Amino acid sequence: MQENSNASTRIAVITHGGMITKIIESFLQLPTENNKWFHTNNTGIHFLDYYKGLQIIKFANSTSHLD
């Protein structure tokens, strides 16, 4: 993701909560040896972005599309 952060490219990933945890863990460069869990509701949407070299979570676990 970071390699393409200067491009106007969007990537969609559809997966389960366990993989979302690993993606966020990698995105935030957190150590992988500790057990972590980020709660994700069914159909929760996460928006991860890079801006000027910074990792930004614009929103996490949004279910506003269900309203």
PDB file of N, CA and C in Angstrom:
ATOM      1  N   MET A   1       0.825  -1.196   0.000  1.00  0.00           N
ATOM      2  CA  MET A   1       0.000   0.000   0.000  1.00  0.00           C
ATOM      3  C   MET A   1       0.863   1.251   0.000  1.00  0.00           C
ATOM      4  N   GLN A   2       1.885   1.258   0.829  1.00  0.00           N
ATOM      5  CA  GLN A   2       2.698   2.464   0.935  1.00  0.00           C
ATOM      6  C   GLN A   2       3.442   2.736  -0.363  1.00  0.00           C
ATOM      7  N   GLU A   3       3.833   1.690  -1.085  1.00  0.00           N
ATOM      8  CA  GLU A   3       4.534   1.874  -2.354  1.00  0.00           C
ATOM      9  C   GLU A   3       3.685   2.640  -3.353  1.00  0.00           C
ATOM     10  N   ASN A   4       2.381   2.492  -3.294  1.00  0.00           N
ATOM     11  CA  ASN A   4       1.470   3.155  -4.224  1.00  0.00           C
ATOM     12  C   ASN A   4       0.817   4.387  -3.625  1.00  0.00           C
ATOM     13  N   SER A   5       1.330   4.872  -2.509  1.00  0.00           N
ATOM     14  CA  SER A   5       0.648   5.961  -1.806  1.00  0.00           C
ATOM     15  C   SER A   5       0.667   7.272  -2.576  1.00  0.00           C
ATOM     16  N   ASN A   6       1.600   7.461  -3.494  1.00  0.00           N
ATOM     17  CA  ASN A   6       1.628   8.686  -4.285  1.00  0.00           C
ATOM     18  C   ASN A   6       0.723   8.600  -5.504  1.00  0.00           C
ATOM     19  N   ALA A   7       0.308   7.417  -5.836  1.00  0.00           N
ATOM     20  CA  ALA A   7      -0.585   7.231  -6.980  1.00  0.00           C
ATOM     21  C   ALA A   7      -2.021   7.471  -6.540  1.00  0.00           C
ATOM     22  N   SER A   8      -2.835   7.869  -7.472  1.00  0.00           N
ATOM     23  CA  SER A   8      -4.262   8.048  -7.154  1.00  0.00           C
ATOM     24  C   SER A   8      -4.963   6.713  -7.375  1.00  0.00           C
ATOM     25  N   THR A   9      -4.539   5.727  -6.600  1.00  0.00           N
ATOM     26  CA  THR A   9      -5.037   4.367  -6.717  1.00  0.00           C
ATOM     27  C   THR A   9      -5.814   4.002  -5.463  1.00  0.00           C
ATOM     28  N   ARG A  10      -6.914   3.310  -5.652  1.00  0.00           N
ATOM     29  CA  ARG A  10      -7.687   2.795  -4.516  1.00  0.00           C
ATOM     30  C   ARG A  10      -7.653   1.285  -4.564  1.00  0.00           C
ATOM     31  N   ILE A  11      -7.555   0.700  -3.400  1.00  0.00           N
ATOM     32  CA  ILE A  11      -7.528  -0.749  -3.281  1.00  0.00           C
ATOM     33  C   ILE A  11      -8.662  -1.153  -2.354  1.00  0.00           C
ATOM     34  N   ALA A  12      -9.493  -2.071  -2.790  1.00  0.00           N
ATOM     35  CA  ALA A  12     -10.564  -2.598  -1.941  1.00  0.00           C
ATOM     36  C   ALA A  12     -10.196  -4.021  -1.537  1.00  0.00           C
ATOM     37  N   VAL A  13     -10.351  -4.306  -0.255  1.00  0.00           N
ATOM     38  CA  VAL A  13     -10.083  -5.643   0.261  1.00  0.00           C
ATOM     39  C   VAL A  13     -11.333  -6.101   0.990  1.00  0.00           C
ATOM     40  N   ILE A  14     -11.861  -7.231   0.589  1.00  0.00           N
ATOM     41  CA  ILE A  14     -13.039  -7.795   1.247  1.00  0.00           C
ATOM     42  C   ILE A  14     -12.565  -9.047   1.976  1.00  0.00           C
ATOM     43  N   THR A  15     -12.704  -9.045   3.307  1.00  0.00           N
ATOM     44  CA  THR A  15     -12.168 -10.154   4.087  1.00  0.00           C
ATOM     45  C   THR A  15     -12.872 -10.247   5.441  1.00  0.00           C
ATOM     46  N   HIS A  16     -12.396 -11.118   6.286  1.00  0.00           N
ATOM     47  CA  HIS A  16     -12.979 -11.314   7.622  1.00  0.00           C
ATOM     48  C   HIS A  16     -12.166 -10.563   8.672  1.00  0.00           C
ATOM     49  N   GLY A  17     -12.683 -10.507   9.884  1.00  0.00           N
ATOM     50  CA  GLY A  17     -12.084  -9.717  10.956  1.00  0.00           C
ATOM     51  C   GLY A  17     -10.652 -10.076  11.297  1.00  0.00           C
ATOM     52  N   GLY A  18     -10.304 -11.348  11.246  1.00  0.00           N
ATOM     53  CA  GLY A  18      -8.936 -11.749  11.553  1.00  0.00           C
ATOM     54  C   GLY A  18      -7.938 -11.133  10.591  1.00  0.00           C
ATOM     55  N   MET A  19      -8.264 -11.104   9.330  1.00  0.00           N
ATOM     56  CA  MET A  19      -7.373 -10.516   8.336  1.00  0.00           C
ATOM     57  C   MET A  19      -7.340  -9.001   8.466  1.00  0.00           C
ATOM     58  N   ILE A  20      -8.476  -8.379   8.796  1.00  0.00           N
ATOM     59  CA  ILE A  20      -8.493  -6.922   9.018  1.00  0.00           C
ATOM     60  C   ILE A  20      -7.513  -6.571  10.141  1.00  0.00           C
ATOM     61  N   THR A  21      -7.503  -7.372  11.208  1.00  0.00           N
ATOM     62  CA  THR A  21      -6.563  -7.139  12.306  1.00  0.00           C
ATOM     63  C   THR A  21      -5.134  -7.167  11.793  1.00  0.00           C
ATOM     64  N   LYS A  22      -4.783  -8.144  10.981  1.00  0.00           N
ATOM     65  CA  LYS A  22      -3.424  -8.258  10.446  1.00  0.00           C
ATOM     66  C   LYS A  22      -3.093  -7.094   9.515  1.00  0.00           C
ATOM     67  N   ILE A  23      -4.050  -6.647   8.715  1.00  0.00           N
ATOM     68  CA  ILE A  23      -3.819  -5.512   7.812  1.00  0.00           C
ATOM     69  C   ILE A  23      -3.566  -4.240   8.619  1.00  0.00           C
ATOM     70  N   ILE A  24      -4.390  -3.980   9.636  1.00  0.00           N
ATOM     71  CA  ILE A  24      -4.208  -2.784  10.469  1.00  0.00           C
ATOM     72  C   ILE A  24      -2.886  -2.873  11.226  1.00  0.00           C
ATOM     73  N   GLU A  25      -2.567  -4.048  11.730  1.00  0.00           N
ATOM     74  CA  GLU A  25      -1.312  -4.278  12.433  1.00  0.00           C
ATOM     75  C   GLU A  25      -0.119  -3.916  11.537  1.00  0.00           C
ATOM     76  N   SER A  26      -0.141  -4.391  10.308  1.00  0.00           N
ATOM     77  CA  SER A  26       0.925  -4.099   9.350  1.00  0.00           C
ATOM     78  C   SER A  26       0.937  -2.626   8.974  1.00  0.00           C
ATOM     79  N   PHE A  27      -0.243  -2.072   8.717  1.00  0.00           N
ATOM     80  CA  PHE A  27      -0.377  -0.668   8.324  1.00  0.00           C
ATOM     81  C   PHE A  27       0.219   0.257   9.381  1.00  0.00           C
ATOM     82  N   LEU A  28      -0.041  -0.028  10.652  1.00  0.00           N
ATOM     83  CA  LEU A  28       0.463   0.793  11.754  1.00  0.00           C
ATOM     84  C   LEU A  28       1.858   0.368  12.220  1.00  0.00           C
ATOM     85  N   GLN A  29       2.416  -0.644  11.553  1.00  0.00           N
ATOM     86  CA  GLN A  29       3.746  -1.166  11.875  1.00  0.00           C
ATOM     87  C   GLN A  29       3.839  -1.596  13.338  1.00  0.00           C
ATOM     88  N   LEU A  30       2.794  -2.280  13.794  1.00  0.00           N
ATOM     89  CA  LEU A  30       2.769  -2.806  15.161  1.00  0.00           C
ATOM     90  C   LEU A  30       3.489  -4.147  15.196  1.00  0.00           C
ATOM     91  N   PRO A  31       4.109  -4.494  16.309  1.00  0.00           N
ATOM     92  CA  PRO A  31       4.765  -5.802  16.397  1.00  0.00           C
ATOM     93  C   PRO A  31       3.740  -6.917  16.238  1.00  0.00           C
ATOM     94  N   THR A  32       4.102  -7.934  15.486  1.00  0.00           N
ATOM     95  CA  THR A  32       3.159  -9.019  15.202  1.00  0.00           C
ATOM     96  C   THR A  32       3.222 -10.143  16.226  1.00  0.00           C
ATOM     97  N   GLU A  33       4.217 -10.119  17.128  1.00  0.00           N
ATOM     98  CA  GLU A  33       4.341 -11.231  18.067  1.00  0.00           C
ATOM     99  C   GLU A  33       3.316 -11.179  19.197  1.00  0.00           C
ATOM    100  N   ASN A  34       2.690 -10.043  19.428  1.00  0.00           N
ATOM    101  CA  ASN A  34       1.661  -9.932  20.466  1.00  0.00           C
ATOM    102  C   ASN A  34       0.292 -10.230  19.872  1.00  0.00           C
ATOM    103  N   ASN A  35      -0.554 -10.862  20.668  1.00  0.00           N
ATOM    104  CA  ASN A  35      -1.915 -11.119  20.207  1.00  0.00           C
ATOM    105  C   ASN A  35      -2.743  -9.851  20.335  1.00  0.00           C
ATOM    106  N   LYS A  36      -3.290  -9.406  19.235  1.00  0.00           N
ATOM    107  CA  LYS A  36      -4.154  -8.224  19.203  1.00  0.00           C
ATOM    108  C   LYS A  36      -5.432  -8.592  18.469  1.00  0.00           C
ATOM    109  N   TRP A  37      -6.475  -7.858  18.751  1.00  0.00           N
ATOM    110  CA  TRP A  37      -7.725  -8.071  18.030  1.00  0.00           C
ATOM    111  C   TRP A  37      -8.435  -6.743  17.900  1.00  0.00           C
ATOM    112  N   PHE A  38      -8.744  -6.347  16.680  1.00  0.00           N
ATOM    113  CA  PHE A  38      -9.540  -5.153  16.421  1.00  0.00           C
ATOM    114  C   PHE A  38     -10.951  -5.627  16.110  1.00  0.00           C
ATOM    115  N   HIS A  39     -11.894  -5.225  16.932  1.00  0.00           N
ATOM    116  CA  HIS A  39     -13.279  -5.649  16.731  1.00  0.00           C
ATOM    117  C   HIS A  39     -13.818  -5.090  15.419  1.00  0.00           C
ATOM    118  N   THR A  40     -14.470  -5.954  14.663  1.00  0.00           N
ATOM    119  CA  THR A  40     -15.075  -5.553  13.396  1.00  0.00           C
ATOM    120  C   THR A  40     -16.493  -6.092  13.335  1.00  0.00           C
ATOM    121  N   ASN A  41     -17.446  -5.203  13.116  1.00  0.00           N
ATOM    122  CA  ASN A  41     -18.829  -5.641  12.906  1.00  0.00           C
ATOM    123  C   ASN A  41     -18.962  -6.254  11.521  1.00  0.00           C
ATOM    124  N   ASN A  42     -19.987  -7.078  11.339  1.00  0.00           N
ATOM    125  CA  ASN A  42     -20.271  -7.585   9.997  1.00  0.00           C
ATOM    126  C   ASN A  42     -20.485  -6.406   9.058  1.00  0.00           C
ATOM    127  N   THR A  43     -19.878  -6.449   7.920  1.00  0.00           N
ATOM    128  CA  THR A  43     -19.907  -5.430   6.855  1.00  0.00           C
ATOM    129  C   THR A  43     -19.229  -4.126   7.257  1.00  0.00           C
ATOM    130  N   GLY A  44     -18.461  -4.119   8.367  1.00  0.00           N
ATOM    131  CA  GLY A  44     -17.738  -2.913   8.782  1.00  0.00           C
ATOM    132  C   GLY A  44     -16.728  -2.488   7.720  1.00  0.00           C
ATOM    133  N   ILE A  45     -16.639  -1.200   7.472  1.00  0.00           N
ATOM    134  CA  ILE A  45     -15.731  -0.649   6.465  1.00  0.00           C
ATOM    135  C   ILE A  45     -14.636   0.142   7.168  1.00  0.00           C
ATOM    136  N   HIS A  46     -13.408  -0.069   6.730  1.00  0.00           N
ATOM    137  CA  HIS A  46     -12.234   0.612   7.272  1.00  0.00           C
ATOM    138  C   HIS A  46     -11.595   1.397   6.130  1.00  0.00           C
ATOM    139  N   PHE A  47     -11.154   2.613   6.381  1.00  0.00           N
ATOM    140  CA  PHE A  47     -10.516   3.454   5.367  1.00  0.00           C
ATOM    141  C   PHE A  47      -9.122   3.807   5.868  1.00  0.00           C
ATOM    142  N   LEU A  48      -8.118   3.161   5.283  1.00  0.00           N
ATOM    143  CA  LEU A  48      -6.718   3.391   5.635  1.00  0.00           C
ATOM    144  C   LEU A  48      -6.081   4.179   4.505  1.00  0.00           C
ATOM    145  N   ASP A  49      -5.236   5.141   4.844  1.00  0.00           N
ATOM    146  CA  ASP A  49      -4.655   6.006   3.825  1.00  0.00           C
ATOM    147  C   ASP A  49      -3.242   6.409   4.223  1.00  0.00           C
ATOM    148  N   TYR A  50      -2.465   6.783   3.233  1.00  0.00           N
ATOM    149  CA  TYR A  50      -1.156   7.399   3.447  1.00  0.00           C
ATOM    150  C   TYR A  50      -1.248   8.825   2.953  1.00  0.00           C
ATOM    151  N   TYR A  51      -0.725   9.751   3.720  1.00  0.00           N
ATOM    152  CA  TYR A  51      -0.694  11.155   3.309  1.00  0.00           C
ATOM    153  C   TYR A  51       0.638  11.747   3.739  1.00  0.00           C
ATOM    154  N   LYS A  52       1.415  12.140   2.774  1.00  0.00           N
ATOM    155  CA  LYS A  52       2.746  12.726   3.034  1.00  0.00           C
ATOM    156  C   LYS A  52       3.577  11.831   3.950  1.00  0.00           C
ATOM    157  N   GLY A  53       3.541  10.530   3.670  1.00  0.00           N
ATOM    158  CA  GLY A  53       4.338   9.577   4.431  1.00  0.00           C
ATOM    159  C   GLY A  53       3.756   9.149   5.760  1.00  0.00           C
ATOM    160  N   LEU A  54       2.594   9.655   6.116  1.00  0.00           N
ATOM    161  CA  LEU A  54       1.955   9.300   7.386  1.00  0.00           C
ATOM    162  C   LEU A  54       0.848   8.281   7.164  1.00  0.00           C
ATOM    163  N   GLN A  55       0.713   7.348   8.096  1.00  0.00           N
ATOM    164  CA  GLN A  55      -0.404   6.413   8.053  1.00  0.00           C
ATOM    165  C   GLN A  55      -1.599   7.072   8.725  1.00  0.00           C
ATOM    166  N   ILE A  56      -2.728   7.054   8.029  1.00  0.00           N
ATOM    167  CA  ILE A  56      -3.940   7.679   8.561  1.00  0.00           C
ATOM    168  C   ILE A  56      -5.080   6.674   8.492  1.00  0.00           C
ATOM    169  N   ILE A  57      -5.757   6.483   9.623  1.00  0.00           N
ATOM    170  CA  ILE A  57      -6.999   5.711   9.617  1.00  0.00           C
ATOM    171  C   ILE A  57      -8.114   6.740   9.585  1.00  0.00           C
ATOM    172  N   LYS A  58      -8.738   6.892   8.415  1.00  0.00           N
ATOM    173  CA  LYS A  58      -9.795   7.904   8.269  1.00  0.00           C
ATOM    174  C   LYS A  58     -11.045   7.479   9.020  1.00  0.00           C
ATOM    175  N   PHE A  59     -11.367   6.202   8.970  1.00  0.00           N
ATOM    176  CA  PHE A  59     -12.407   5.640   9.827  1.00  0.00           C
ATOM    177  C   PHE A  59     -12.199   4.138   9.905  1.00  0.00           C
ATOM    178  N   ALA A  60     -12.757   3.557  10.955  1.00  0.00           N
ATOM    179  CA  ALA A  60     -12.635   2.121  11.172  1.00  0.00           C
ATOM    180  C   ALA A  60     -13.978   1.566  11.613  1.00  0.00           C
ATOM    181  N   ASN A  61     -14.311   0.409  11.052  1.00  0.00           N
ATOM    182  CA  ASN A  61     -15.507  -0.324  11.452  1.00  0.00           C
ATOM    183  C   ASN A  61     -16.801   0.456  11.217  1.00  0.00           C
ATOM    184  N   SER A  62     -16.826   1.287  10.203  1.00  0.00           N
ATOM    185  CA  SER A  62     -18.032   2.069   9.908  1.00  0.00           C
ATOM    186  C   SER A  62     -19.138   1.168   9.357  1.00  0.00           C
ATOM    187  N   THR A  63     -20.320   1.354   9.885  1.00  0.00           N
ATOM    188  CA  THR A  63     -21.492   0.641   9.357  1.00  0.00           C
ATOM    189  C   THR A  63     -22.552   1.641   8.897  1.00  0.00           C
ATOM    190  N   SER A  64     -22.125   2.873   8.597  1.00  0.00           N
ATOM    191  CA  SER A  64     -23.076   3.915   8.188  1.00  0.00           C
ATOM    192  C   SER A  64     -23.814   3.550   6.903  1.00  0.00           C
ATOM    193  N   HIS A  65     -23.241   2.664   6.105  1.00  0.00           N
ATOM    194  CA  HIS A  65     -23.909   2.241   4.871  1.00  0.00           C
ATOM    195  C   HIS A  65     -25.160   1.405   5.159  1.00  0.00           C
ATOM    196  N   LEU A  66     -25.334   0.981   6.398  1.00  0.00           N
ATOM    197  CA  LEU A  66     -26.510   0.191   6.771  1.00  0.00           C
ATOM    198  C   LEU A  66     -27.669   1.046   7.272  1.00  0.00           C
ATOM    199  N   ASP A  67     -27.416   2.339   7.492  1.00  0.00           N
ATOM    200  CA  ASP A  67     -28.468   3.235   8.009  1.00  0.00           C
ATOM    201  C   ASP A  67     -29.566   3.462   6.992  1.00  0.00           C
TER     202      ASP A  67
END
